[in-house]
Amino acid sequence: MQAHGLTRTQIIYTQVLKNALLPVMSHLPMAVVGVLFSGNFLIEIIFGIDGIGRLGYEAVMQRDYPLMFGILYLFTLISMVVQLIFDVLYRMIDPRVDFEAV
């Protein structure tokens, strides 16, 4: 590619980075969601802050099943939205990916 007059940084950004980002983009959504929810839960329990993580913890301790399922539904909905956002970004990074073939 350098024979075409491209600099080293242009080659890295146009050729290498696009292909190197694909595995990262496929694993990143669940890592983000996991860190978000577990961090939320731990910080609220340790520091005694009222929030959805503490509410979920108290629901488990008191066996409040409707509240536990509501929090599970909310976390699942958030993780699905994050996954959808990353799927759209995946398509923007690599236009060769076709979701209609499935």
PDB file of N, CA and C in Angstrom:
ATOM      1  N   MET A   1       0.812  -1.196   0.000  1.00  0.00           N
ATOM      2  CA  MET A   1       0.000   0.000   0.000  1.00  0.00           C
ATOM      3  C   MET A   1       0.857   1.261   0.000  1.00  0.00           C
ATOM      4  N   GLN A   2       2.056   1.152   0.544  1.00  0.00           N
ATOM      5  CA  GLN A   2       2.905   2.335   0.549  1.00  0.00           C
ATOM      6  C   GLN A   2       3.332   2.694  -0.866  1.00  0.00           C
ATOM      7  N   ALA A   3       3.281   1.732  -1.769  1.00  0.00           N
ATOM      8  CA  ALA A   3       3.607   2.021  -3.152  1.00  0.00           C
ATOM      9  C   ALA A   3       2.538   2.909  -3.793  1.00  0.00           C
ATOM     10  N   HIS A   4       1.347   2.913  -3.211  1.00  0.00           N
ATOM     11  CA  HIS A   4       0.264   3.755  -3.716  1.00  0.00           C
ATOM     12  C   HIS A   4       0.338   5.173  -3.165  1.00  0.00           C
ATOM     13  N   GLY A   5       1.320   5.451  -2.347  1.00  0.00           N
ATOM     14  CA  GLY A   5       1.485   6.796  -1.811  1.00  0.00           C
ATOM     15  C   GLY A   5       0.793   7.023  -0.483  1.00  0.00           C
ATOM     16  N   LEU A   6       0.350   5.963   0.181  1.00  0.00           N
ATOM     17  CA  LEU A   6      -0.303   6.101   1.481  1.00  0.00           C
ATOM     18  C   LEU A   6       0.739   6.089   2.588  1.00  0.00           C
ATOM     19  N   THR A   7       0.484   6.876   3.618  1.00  0.00           N
ATOM     20  CA  THR A   7       1.386   6.867   4.762  1.00  0.00           C
ATOM     21  C   THR A   7       1.061   5.679   5.654  1.00  0.00           C
ATOM     22  N   ARG A   8       1.924   5.443   6.624  1.00  0.00           N
ATOM     23  CA  ARG A   8       1.732   4.314   7.542  1.00  0.00           C
ATOM     24  C   ARG A   8       0.435   4.464   8.342  1.00  0.00           C
ATOM     25  N   THR A   9       0.136   5.666   8.827  1.00  0.00           N
ATOM     26  CA  THR A   9      -1.086   5.877   9.609  1.00  0.00           C
ATOM     27  C   THR A   9      -2.334   5.719   8.752  1.00  0.00           C
ATOM     28  N   GLN A  10      -2.288   6.126   7.504  1.00  0.00           N
ATOM     29  CA  GLN A  10      -3.437   5.933   6.624  1.00  0.00           C
ATOM     30  C   GLN A  10      -3.697   4.450   6.383  1.00  0.00           C
ATOM     31  N   ILE A  11      -2.642   3.690   6.245  1.00  0.00           N
ATOM     32  CA  ILE A  11      -2.801   2.243   6.056  1.00  0.00           C
ATOM     33  C   ILE A  11      -3.408   1.612   7.299  1.00  0.00           C
ATOM     34  N   ILE A  12      -2.925   2.011   8.462  1.00  0.00           N
ATOM     35  CA  ILE A  12      -3.437   1.435   9.708  1.00  0.00           C
ATOM     36  C   ILE A  12      -4.911   1.772   9.885  1.00  0.00           C
ATOM     37  N   TYR A  13      -5.300   3.018   9.670  1.00  0.00           N
ATOM     38  CA  TYR A  13      -6.688   3.413   9.891  1.00  0.00           C
ATOM     39  C   TYR A  13      -7.641   2.881   8.826  1.00  0.00           C
ATOM     40  N   THR A  14      -7.197   2.772   7.586  1.00  0.00           N
ATOM     41  CA  THR A  14      -8.119   2.333   6.541  1.00  0.00           C
ATOM     42  C   THR A  14      -8.163   0.822   6.368  1.00  0.00           C
ATOM     43  N   GLN A  15      -7.071   0.132   6.579  1.00  0.00           N
ATOM     44  CA  GLN A  15      -7.022  -1.299   6.300  1.00  0.00           C
ATOM     45  C   GLN A  15      -7.027  -2.161   7.560  1.00  0.00           C
ATOM     46  N   VAL A  16      -6.150  -1.856   8.479  1.00  0.00           N
ATOM     47  CA  VAL A  16      -5.930  -2.740   9.621  1.00  0.00           C
ATOM     48  C   VAL A  16      -6.978  -2.541  10.709  1.00  0.00           C
ATOM     49  N   LEU A  17      -7.265  -1.311  11.052  1.00  0.00           N
ATOM     50  CA  LEU A  17      -8.144  -1.036  12.189  1.00  0.00           C
ATOM     51  C   LEU A  17      -9.557  -1.548  11.956  1.00  0.00           C
ATOM     52  N   LYS A  18     -10.048  -1.432  10.732  1.00  0.00           N
ATOM     53  CA  LYS A  18     -11.399  -1.897  10.440  1.00  0.00           C
ATOM     54  C   LYS A  18     -11.534  -3.392  10.701  1.00  0.00           C
ATOM     55  N   ASN A  19     -10.550  -4.167  10.290  1.00  0.00           N
ATOM     56  CA  ASN A  19     -10.600  -5.611  10.502  1.00  0.00           C
ATOM     57  C   ASN A  19     -10.273  -6.000  11.939  1.00  0.00           C
ATOM     58  N   ALA A  20      -9.472  -5.209  12.619  1.00  0.00           N
ATOM     59  CA  ALA A  20      -9.127  -5.525  14.006  1.00  0.00           C
ATOM     60  C   ALA A  20     -10.266  -5.187  14.959  1.00  0.00           C
ATOM     61  N   LEU A  21     -11.134  -4.264  14.590  1.00  0.00           N
ATOM     62  CA  LEU A  21     -12.237  -3.875  15.461  1.00  0.00           C
ATOM     63  C   LEU A  21     -13.387  -4.874  15.473  1.00  0.00           C
ATOM     64  N   LEU A  22     -13.495  -5.712  14.467  1.00  0.00           N
ATOM     65  CA  LEU A  22     -14.642  -6.613  14.370  1.00  0.00           C
ATOM     66  C   LEU A  22     -14.757  -7.586  15.544  1.00  0.00           C
ATOM     67  N   PRO A  23     -13.706  -8.295  15.953  1.00  0.00           N
ATOM     68  CA  PRO A  23     -13.855  -9.167  17.125  1.00  0.00           C
ATOM     69  C   PRO A  23     -14.127  -8.395  18.410  1.00  0.00           C
ATOM     70  N   VAL A  24     -13.541  -7.223  18.522  1.00  0.00           N
ATOM     71  CA  VAL A  24     -13.764  -6.402  19.715  1.00  0.00           C
ATOM     72  C   VAL A  24     -15.218  -5.953  19.774  1.00  0.00           C
ATOM     73  N   MET A  25     -15.763  -5.547  18.635  1.00  0.00           N
ATOM     74  CA  MET A  25     -17.144  -5.070  18.593  1.00  0.00           C
ATOM     75  C   MET A  25     -18.150  -6.185  18.853  1.00  0.00           C
ATOM     76  N   SER A  26     -17.793  -7.416  18.583  1.00  0.00           N
ATOM     77  CA  SER A  26     -18.735  -8.499  18.832  1.00  0.00           C
ATOM     78  C   SER A  26     -18.775  -8.897  20.309  1.00  0.00           C
ATOM     79  N   HIS A  27     -17.698  -8.658  21.054  1.00  0.00           N
ATOM     80  CA  HIS A  27     -17.667  -9.030  22.469  1.00  0.00           C
ATOM     81  C   HIS A  27     -17.891  -7.848  23.409  1.00  0.00           C
ATOM     82  N   LEU A  28     -17.783  -6.661  22.923  1.00  0.00           N
ATOM     83  CA  LEU A  28     -17.872  -5.476  23.768  1.00  0.00           C
ATOM     84  C   LEU A  28     -19.249  -5.237  24.392  1.00  0.00           C
ATOM     85  N   PRO A  29     -20.368  -5.467  23.696  1.00  0.00           N
ATOM     86  CA  PRO A  29     -21.666  -5.145  24.310  1.00  0.00           C
ATOM     87  C   PRO A  29     -21.929  -5.885  25.612  1.00  0.00           C
ATOM     88  N   MET A  30     -21.665  -7.173  25.645  1.00  0.00           N
ATOM     89  CA  MET A  30     -21.939  -7.915  26.870  1.00  0.00           C
ATOM     90  C   MET A  30     -20.960  -7.550  27.974  1.00  0.00           C
ATOM     91  N   ALA A  31     -19.755  -7.174  27.613  1.00  0.00           N
ATOM     92  CA  ALA A  31     -18.802  -6.712  28.620  1.00  0.00           C
ATOM     93  C   ALA A  31     -19.265  -5.392  29.217  1.00  0.00           C
ATOM     94  N   VAL A  32     -19.759  -4.502  28.371  1.00  0.00           N
ATOM     95  CA  VAL A  32     -20.256  -3.209  28.856  1.00  0.00           C
ATOM     96  C   VAL A  32     -21.454  -3.410  29.770  1.00  0.00           C
ATOM     97  N   VAL A  33     -22.379  -4.252  29.356  1.00  0.00           N
ATOM     98  CA  VAL A  33     -23.576  -4.496  30.166  1.00  0.00           C
ATOM     99  C   VAL A  33     -23.205  -5.169  31.481  1.00  0.00           C
ATOM    100  N   GLY A  34     -22.305  -6.139  31.436  1.00  0.00           N
ATOM    101  CA  GLY A  34     -21.888  -6.823  32.662  1.00  0.00           C
ATOM    102  C   GLY A  34     -21.219  -5.896  33.651  1.00  0.00           C
ATOM    103  N   VAL A  35     -20.319  -5.063  33.165  1.00  0.00           N
ATOM    104  CA  VAL A  35     -19.636  -4.108  34.046  1.00  0.00           C
ATOM    105  C   VAL A  35     -20.621  -3.084  34.587  1.00  0.00           C
ATOM    106  N   LEU A  36     -21.533  -2.635  33.754  1.00  0.00           N
ATOM    107  CA  LEU A  36     -22.520  -1.643  34.180  1.00  0.00           C
ATOM    108  C   LEU A  36     -23.397  -2.175  35.306  1.00  0.00           C
ATOM    109  N   PHE A  37     -23.932  -3.372  35.132  1.00  0.00           N
ATOM    110  CA  PHE A  37     -24.854  -3.902  36.126  1.00  0.00           C
ATOM    111  C   PHE A  37     -24.154  -4.381  37.391  1.00  0.00           C
ATOM    112  N   SER A  38     -23.032  -5.075  37.240  1.00  0.00           N
ATOM    113  CA  SER A  38     -22.341  -5.549  38.438  1.00  0.00           C
ATOM    114  C   SER A  38     -21.728  -4.390  39.205  1.00  0.00           C
ATOM    115  N   GLY A  39     -21.200  -3.406  38.500  1.00  0.00           N
ATOM    116  CA  GLY A  39     -20.671  -2.217  39.171  1.00  0.00           C
ATOM    117  C   GLY A  39     -21.763  -1.446  39.877  1.00  0.00           C
ATOM    118  N   ASN A  40     -22.907  -1.332  39.230  1.00  0.00           N
ATOM    119  CA  ASN A  40     -24.059  -0.665  39.823  1.00  0.00           C
ATOM    120  C   ASN A  40     -24.470  -1.371  41.114  1.00  0.00           C
ATOM    121  N   PHE A  41     -24.572  -2.669  41.043  1.00  0.00           N
ATOM    122  CA  PHE A  41     -24.978  -3.476  42.192  1.00  0.00           C
ATOM    123  C   PHE A  41     -23.975  -3.348  43.339  1.00  0.00           C
ATOM    124  N   LEU A  42     -22.685  -3.510  43.048  1.00  0.00           N
ATOM    125  CA  LEU A  42     -21.663  -3.477  44.098  1.00  0.00           C
ATOM    126  C   LEU A  42     -21.535  -2.102  44.745  1.00  0.00           C
ATOM    127  N   ILE A  43     -21.518  -1.057  43.959  1.00  0.00           N
ATOM    128  CA  ILE A  43     -21.373   0.295  44.508  1.00  0.00           C
ATOM    129  C   ILE A  43     -22.555   0.639  45.405  1.00  0.00           C
ATOM    130  N   GLU A  44     -23.759   0.281  44.980  1.00  0.00           N
ATOM    131  CA  GLU A  44     -24.934   0.603  45.788  1.00  0.00           C
ATOM    132  C   GLU A  44     -24.976  -0.200  47.084  1.00  0.00           C
ATOM    133  N   ILE A  45     -24.542  -1.442  47.053  1.00  0.00           N
ATOM    134  CA  ILE A  45     -24.545  -2.259  48.270  1.00  0.00           C
ATOM    135  C   ILE A  45     -23.442  -1.802  49.219  1.00  0.00           C
ATOM    136  N   ILE A  46     -22.246  -1.569  48.705  1.00  0.00           N
ATOM    137  CA  ILE A  46     -21.114  -1.210  49.566  1.00  0.00           C
ATOM    138  C   ILE A  46     -21.315   0.153  50.214  1.00  0.00           C
ATOM    139  N   PHE A  47     -21.746   1.136  49.434  1.00  0.00           N
ATOM    140  CA  PHE A  47     -21.861   2.490  49.962  1.00  0.00           C
ATOM    141  C   PHE A  47     -23.257   2.841  50.464  1.00  0.00           C
ATOM    142  N   GLY A  48     -24.192   1.911  50.382  1.00  0.00           N
ATOM    143  CA  GLY A  48     -25.524   2.139  50.920  1.00  0.00           C
ATOM    144  C   GLY A  48     -26.338   3.159  50.141  1.00  0.00           C
ATOM    145  N   ILE A  49     -26.090   3.263  48.860  1.00  0.00           N
ATOM    146  CA  ILE A  49     -26.829   4.196  48.015  1.00  0.00           C
ATOM    147  C   ILE A  49     -28.113   3.517  47.553  1.00  0.00           C
ATOM    148  N   ASP A  50     -29.209   4.249  47.579  1.00  0.00           N
ATOM    149  CA  ASP A  50     -30.465   3.696  47.080  1.00  0.00           C
ATOM    150  C   ASP A  50     -30.480   3.758  45.558  1.00  0.00           C
ATOM    151  N   GLY A  51     -30.817   2.652  44.936  1.00  0.00           N
ATOM    152  CA  GLY A  51     -30.869   2.580  43.481  1.00  0.00           C
ATOM    153  C   GLY A  51     -31.414   1.237  43.045  1.00  0.00           C
ATOM    154  N   ILE A  52     -31.342   0.983  41.755  1.00  0.00           N
ATOM    155  CA  ILE A  52     -31.917  -0.243  41.210  1.00  0.00           C
ATOM    156  C   ILE A  52     -31.132  -1.485  41.649  1.00  0.00           C
ATOM    157  N   GLY A  53     -29.830  -1.362  41.844  1.00  0.00           N
ATOM    158  CA  GLY A  53     -29.031  -2.496  42.305  1.00  0.00           C
ATOM    159  C   GLY A  53     -29.379  -2.887  43.730  1.00  0.00           C
ATOM    160  N   ARG A  54     -29.509  -1.899  44.580  1.00  0.00           N
ATOM    161  CA  ARG A  54     -29.892  -2.172  45.971  1.00  0.00           C
ATOM    162  C   ARG A  54     -31.322  -2.692  46.049  1.00  0.00           C
ATOM    163  N   LEU A  55     -32.187  -2.146  45.206  1.00  0.00           N
ATOM    164  CA  LEU A  55     -33.564  -2.618  45.166  1.00  0.00           C
ATOM    165  C   LEU A  55     -33.613  -4.087  44.755  1.00  0.00           C
ATOM    166  N   GLY A  56     -32.788  -4.464  43.782  1.00  0.00           N
ATOM    167  CA  GLY A  56     -32.722  -5.859  43.367  1.00  0.00           C
ATOM    168  C   GLY A  56     -32.174  -6.757  44.458  1.00  0.00           C
ATOM    169  N   TYR A  57     -31.168  -6.279  45.167  1.00  0.00           N
ATOM    170  CA  TYR A  57     -30.593  -7.047  46.269  1.00  0.00           C
ATOM    171  C   TYR A  57     -31.632  -7.271  47.371  1.00  0.00           C
ATOM    172  N   GLU A  58     -32.337  -6.217  47.724  1.00  0.00           N
ATOM    173  CA  GLU A  58     -33.363  -6.343  48.773  1.00  0.00           C
ATOM    174  C   GLU A  58     -34.513  -7.231  48.311  1.00  0.00           C
ATOM    175  N   ALA A  59     -34.834  -7.193  47.020  1.00  0.00           N
ATOM    176  CA  ALA A  59     -35.891  -8.065  46.502  1.00  0.00           C
ATOM    177  C   ALA A  59     -35.482  -9.531  46.604  1.00  0.00           C
ATOM    178  N   VAL A  60     -34.212  -9.825  46.354  1.00  0.00           N
ATOM    179  CA  VAL A  60     -33.727 -11.206  46.478  1.00  0.00           C
ATOM    180  C   VAL A  60     -33.745 -11.637  47.935  1.00  0.00           C
ATOM    181  N   MET A  61     -33.301 -10.774  48.827  1.00  0.00           N
ATOM    182  CA  MET A  61     -33.261 -11.122  50.246  1.00  0.00           C
ATOM    183  C   MET A  61     -34.657 -11.315  50.835  1.00  0.00           C
ATOM    184  N   GLN A  62     -35.632 -10.569  50.342  1.00  0.00           N
ATOM    185  CA  GLN A  62     -37.001 -10.672  50.867  1.00  0.00           C
ATOM    186  C   GLN A  62     -37.879 -11.598  50.025  1.00  0.00           C
ATOM    187  N   ARG A  63     -37.294 -12.199  49.002  1.00  0.00           N
ATOM    188  CA  ARG A  63     -38.005 -13.103  48.090  1.00  0.00           C
ATOM    189  C   ARG A  63     -39.239 -12.445  47.473  1.00  0.00           C
ATOM    190  N   ASP A  64     -39.045 -11.239  47.005  1.00  0.00           N
ATOM    191  CA  ASP A  64     -40.104 -10.497  46.330  1.00  0.00           C
ATOM    192  C   ASP A  64     -40.001 -10.804  44.833  1.00  0.00           C
ATOM    193  N   TYR A  65     -40.667 -11.874  44.418  1.00  0.00           N
ATOM    194  CA  TYR A  65     -40.512 -12.374  43.058  1.00  0.00           C
ATOM    195  C   TYR A  65     -40.995 -11.410  41.972  1.00  0.00           C
ATOM    196  N   PRO A  66     -42.137 -10.750  42.121  1.00  0.00           N
ATOM    197  CA  PRO A  66     -42.527  -9.807  41.058  1.00  0.00           C
ATOM    198  C   PRO A  66     -41.506  -8.684  40.858  1.00  0.00           C
ATOM    199  N   LEU A  67     -40.943  -8.181  41.940  1.00  0.00           N
ATOM    200  CA  LEU A  67     -39.939  -7.128  41.825  1.00  0.00           C
ATOM    201  C   LEU A  67     -38.651  -7.667  41.200  1.00  0.00           C
ATOM    202  N   MET A  68     -38.252  -8.875  41.579  1.00  0.00           N
ATOM    203  CA  MET A  68     -37.052  -9.477  40.981  1.00  0.00           C
ATOM    204  C   MET A  68     -37.229  -9.655  39.478  1.00  0.00           C
ATOM    205  N   PHE A  69     -38.395 -10.143  39.062  1.00  0.00           N
ATOM    206  CA  PHE A  69     -38.625 -10.339  37.634  1.00  0.00           C
ATOM    207  C   PHE A  69     -38.731  -9.009  36.895  1.00  0.00           C
ATOM    208  N   GLY A  70     -39.256  -7.988  37.554  1.00  0.00           N
ATOM    209  CA  GLY A  70     -39.298  -6.662  36.942  1.00  0.00           C
ATOM    210  C   GLY A  70     -37.908  -6.096  36.717  1.00  0.00           C
ATOM    211  N   ILE A  71     -37.030  -6.252  37.698  1.00  0.00           N
ATOM    212  CA  ILE A  71     -35.650  -5.780  37.557  1.00  0.00           C
ATOM    213  C   ILE A  71     -34.912  -6.609  36.511  1.00  0.00           C
ATOM    214  N   LEU A  72     -35.140  -7.911  36.501  1.00  0.00           N
ATOM    215  CA  LEU A  72     -34.543  -8.765  35.477  1.00  0.00           C
ATOM    216  C   LEU A  72     -35.015  -8.349  34.083  1.00  0.00           C
ATOM    217  N   TYR A  73     -36.302  -8.037  33.959  1.00  0.00           N
ATOM    218  CA  TYR A  73     -36.846  -7.576  32.680  1.00  0.00           C
ATOM    219  C   TYR A  73     -36.193  -6.264  32.255  1.00  0.00           C
ATOM    220  N   LEU A  74     -36.023  -5.345  33.191  1.00  0.00           N
ATOM    221  CA  LEU A  74     -35.405  -4.055  32.880  1.00  0.00           C
ATOM    222  C   LEU A  74     -33.954  -4.237  32.435  1.00  0.00           C
ATOM    223  N   PHE A  75     -33.187  -5.041  33.160  1.00  0.00           N
ATOM    224  CA  PHE A  75     -31.792  -5.281  32.788  1.00  0.00           C
ATOM    225  C   PHE A  75     -31.701  -5.987  31.429  1.00  0.00           C
ATOM    226  N   THR A  76     -32.611  -6.918  31.171  1.00  0.00           N
ATOM    227  CA  THR A  76     -32.625  -7.609  29.883  1.00  0.00           C
ATOM    228  C   THR A  76     -32.954  -6.647  28.756  1.00  0.00           C
ATOM    229  N   LEU A  77     -33.904  -5.760  28.982  1.00  0.00           N
ATOM    230  CA  LEU A  77     -34.271  -4.770  27.972  1.00  0.00           C
ATOM    231  C   LEU A  77     -33.107  -3.835  27.670  1.00  0.00           C
ATOM    232  N   ILE A  78     -32.420  -3.394  28.710  1.00  0.00           N
ATOM    233  CA  ILE A  78     -31.260  -2.514  28.515  1.00  0.00           C
ATOM    234  C   ILE A  78     -30.161  -3.245  27.748  1.00  0.00           C
ATOM    235  N   SER A  79     -29.917  -4.510  28.090  1.00  0.00           N
ATOM    236  CA  SER A  79     -28.863  -5.250  27.389  1.00  0.00           C
ATOM    237  C   SER A  79     -29.233  -5.498  25.930  1.00  0.00           C
ATOM    238  N   MET A  80     -30.507  -5.700  25.630  1.00  0.00           N
ATOM    239  CA  MET A  80     -30.923  -5.875  24.243  1.00  0.00           C
ATOM    240  C   MET A  80     -30.758  -4.591  23.443  1.00  0.00           C
ATOM    241  N   VAL A  81     -31.057  -3.450  24.053  1.00  0.00           N
ATOM    242  CA  VAL A  81     -30.873  -2.166  23.372  1.00  0.00           C
ATOM    243  C   VAL A  81     -29.390  -1.913  23.110  1.00  0.00           C
ATOM    244  N   VAL A  82     -28.545  -2.215  24.096  1.00  0.00           N
ATOM    245  CA  VAL A  82     -27.098  -2.046  23.908  1.00  0.00           C
ATOM    246  C   VAL A  82     -26.604  -2.966  22.794  1.00  0.00           C
ATOM    247  N   GLN A  83     -27.085  -4.201  22.760  1.00  0.00           N
ATOM    248  CA  GLN A  83     -26.692  -5.134  21.701  1.00  0.00           C
ATOM    249  C   GLN A  83     -27.135  -4.626  20.333  1.00  0.00           C
ATOM    250  N   LEU A  84     -28.329  -4.060  20.245  1.00  0.00           N
ATOM    251  CA  LEU A  84     -28.812  -3.509  18.979  1.00  0.00           C
ATOM    252  C   LEU A  84     -27.954  -2.335  18.518  1.00  0.00           C
ATOM    253  N   ILE A  85     -27.581  -1.473  19.446  1.00  0.00           N
ATOM    254  CA  ILE A  85     -26.721  -0.331  19.108  1.00  0.00           C
ATOM    255  C   ILE A  85     -25.377  -0.820  18.577  1.00  0.00           C
ATOM    256  N   PHE A  86     -24.806  -1.812  19.232  1.00  0.00           N
ATOM    257  CA  PHE A  86     -23.517  -2.327  18.778  1.00  0.00           C
ATOM    258  C   PHE A  86     -23.637  -3.076  17.456  1.00  0.00           C
ATOM    259  N   ASP A  87     -24.784  -3.706  17.189  1.00  0.00           N
ATOM    260  CA  ASP A  87     -24.975  -4.341  15.886  1.00  0.00           C
ATOM    261  C   ASP A  87     -25.017  -3.306  14.771  1.00  0.00           C
ATOM    262  N   VAL A  88     -25.663  -2.184  15.020  1.00  0.00           N
ATOM    263  CA  VAL A  88     -25.695  -1.106  14.028  1.00  0.00           C
ATOM    264  C   VAL A  88     -24.292  -0.538  13.825  1.00  0.00           C
ATOM    265  N   LEU A  89     -23.549  -0.347  14.920  1.00  0.00           N
ATOM    266  CA  LEU A  89     -22.175   0.134  14.799  1.00  0.00           C
ATOM    267  C   LEU A  89     -21.295  -0.872  14.064  1.00  0.00           C
ATOM    268  N   TYR A  90     -21.544  -2.148  14.280  1.00  0.00           N
ATOM    269  CA  TYR A  90     -20.796  -3.201  13.590  1.00  0.00           C
ATOM    270  C   TYR A  90     -21.003  -3.086  12.087  1.00  0.00           C
ATOM    271  N   ARG A  91     -22.238  -2.826  11.695  1.00  0.00           N
ATOM    272  CA  ARG A  91     -22.559  -2.662  10.268  1.00  0.00           C
ATOM    273  C   ARG A  91     -21.906  -1.402   9.706  1.00  0.00           C
ATOM    274  N   MET A  92     -21.818  -0.339  10.514  1.00  0.00           N
ATOM    275  CA  MET A  92     -21.188   0.896  10.046  1.00  0.00           C
ATOM    276  C   MET A  92     -19.677   0.714   9.878  1.00  0.00           C
ATOM    277  N   ILE A  93     -19.061  -0.074  10.754  1.00  0.00           N
ATOM    278  CA  ILE A  93     -17.617  -0.298  10.662  1.00  0.00           C
ATOM    279  C   ILE A  93     -17.280  -1.163   9.454  1.00  0.00           C
ATOM    280  N   ASP A  94     -18.055  -2.224   9.255  1.00  0.00           N
ATOM    281  CA  ASP A  94     -17.786  -3.132   8.140  1.00  0.00           C
ATOM    282  C   ASP A  94     -19.041  -3.275   7.283  1.00  0.00           C
ATOM    283  N   PRO A  95     -19.139  -2.528   6.192  1.00  0.00           N
ATOM    284  CA  PRO A  95     -20.335  -2.595   5.342  1.00  0.00           C
ATOM    285  C   PRO A  95     -20.512  -3.939   4.637  1.00  0.00           C
ATOM    286  N   ARG A  96     -19.492  -4.788   4.648  1.00  0.00           N
ATOM    287  CA  ARG A  96     -19.618  -6.102   4.015  1.00  0.00           C
ATOM    288  C   ARG A  96     -20.556  -7.016   4.785  1.00  0.00           C
ATOM    289  N   VAL A  97     -20.788  -6.731   6.060  1.00  0.00           N
ATOM    290  CA  VAL A  97     -21.641  -7.569   6.892  1.00  0.00           C
ATOM    291  C   VAL A  97     -23.083  -7.384   6.440  1.00  0.00           C
ATOM    292  N   ASP A  98     -23.763  -8.500   6.186  1.00  0.00           N
ATOM    293  CA  ASP A  98     -25.139  -8.454   5.714  1.00  0.00           C
ATOM    294  C   ASP A  98     -26.007  -9.249   6.681  1.00  0.00           C
ATOM    295  N   PHE A  99     -26.925  -8.571   7.352  1.00  0.00           N
ATOM    296  CA  PHE A  99     -27.794  -9.238   8.318  1.00  0.00           C
ATOM    297  C   PHE A  99     -29.010  -9.873   7.650  1.00  0.00           C
ATOM    298  N   GLU A 100     -29.232  -9.596   6.379  1.00  0.00           N
ATOM    299  CA  GLU A 100     -30.393 -10.146   5.688  1.00  0.00           C
ATOM    300  C   GLU A 100     -30.167 -11.576   5.220  1.00  0.00           C
ATOM    301  N   ALA A 101     -28.941 -12.048   5.244  1.00  0.00           N
ATOM    302  CA  ALA A 101     -28.641 -13.400   4.781  1.00  0.00           C
ATOM    303  C   ALA A 101     -29.112 -14.461   5.768  1.00  0.00           C
ATOM    304  N   VAL A 102     -29.357 -14.074   6.990  1.00  0.00           N
ATOM    305  CA  VAL A 102     -29.752 -15.038   8.018  1.00  0.00           C
ATOM    306  C   VAL A 102     -31.219 -15.348   7.908  1.00  0.00           C
TER     307      VAL A 102
END
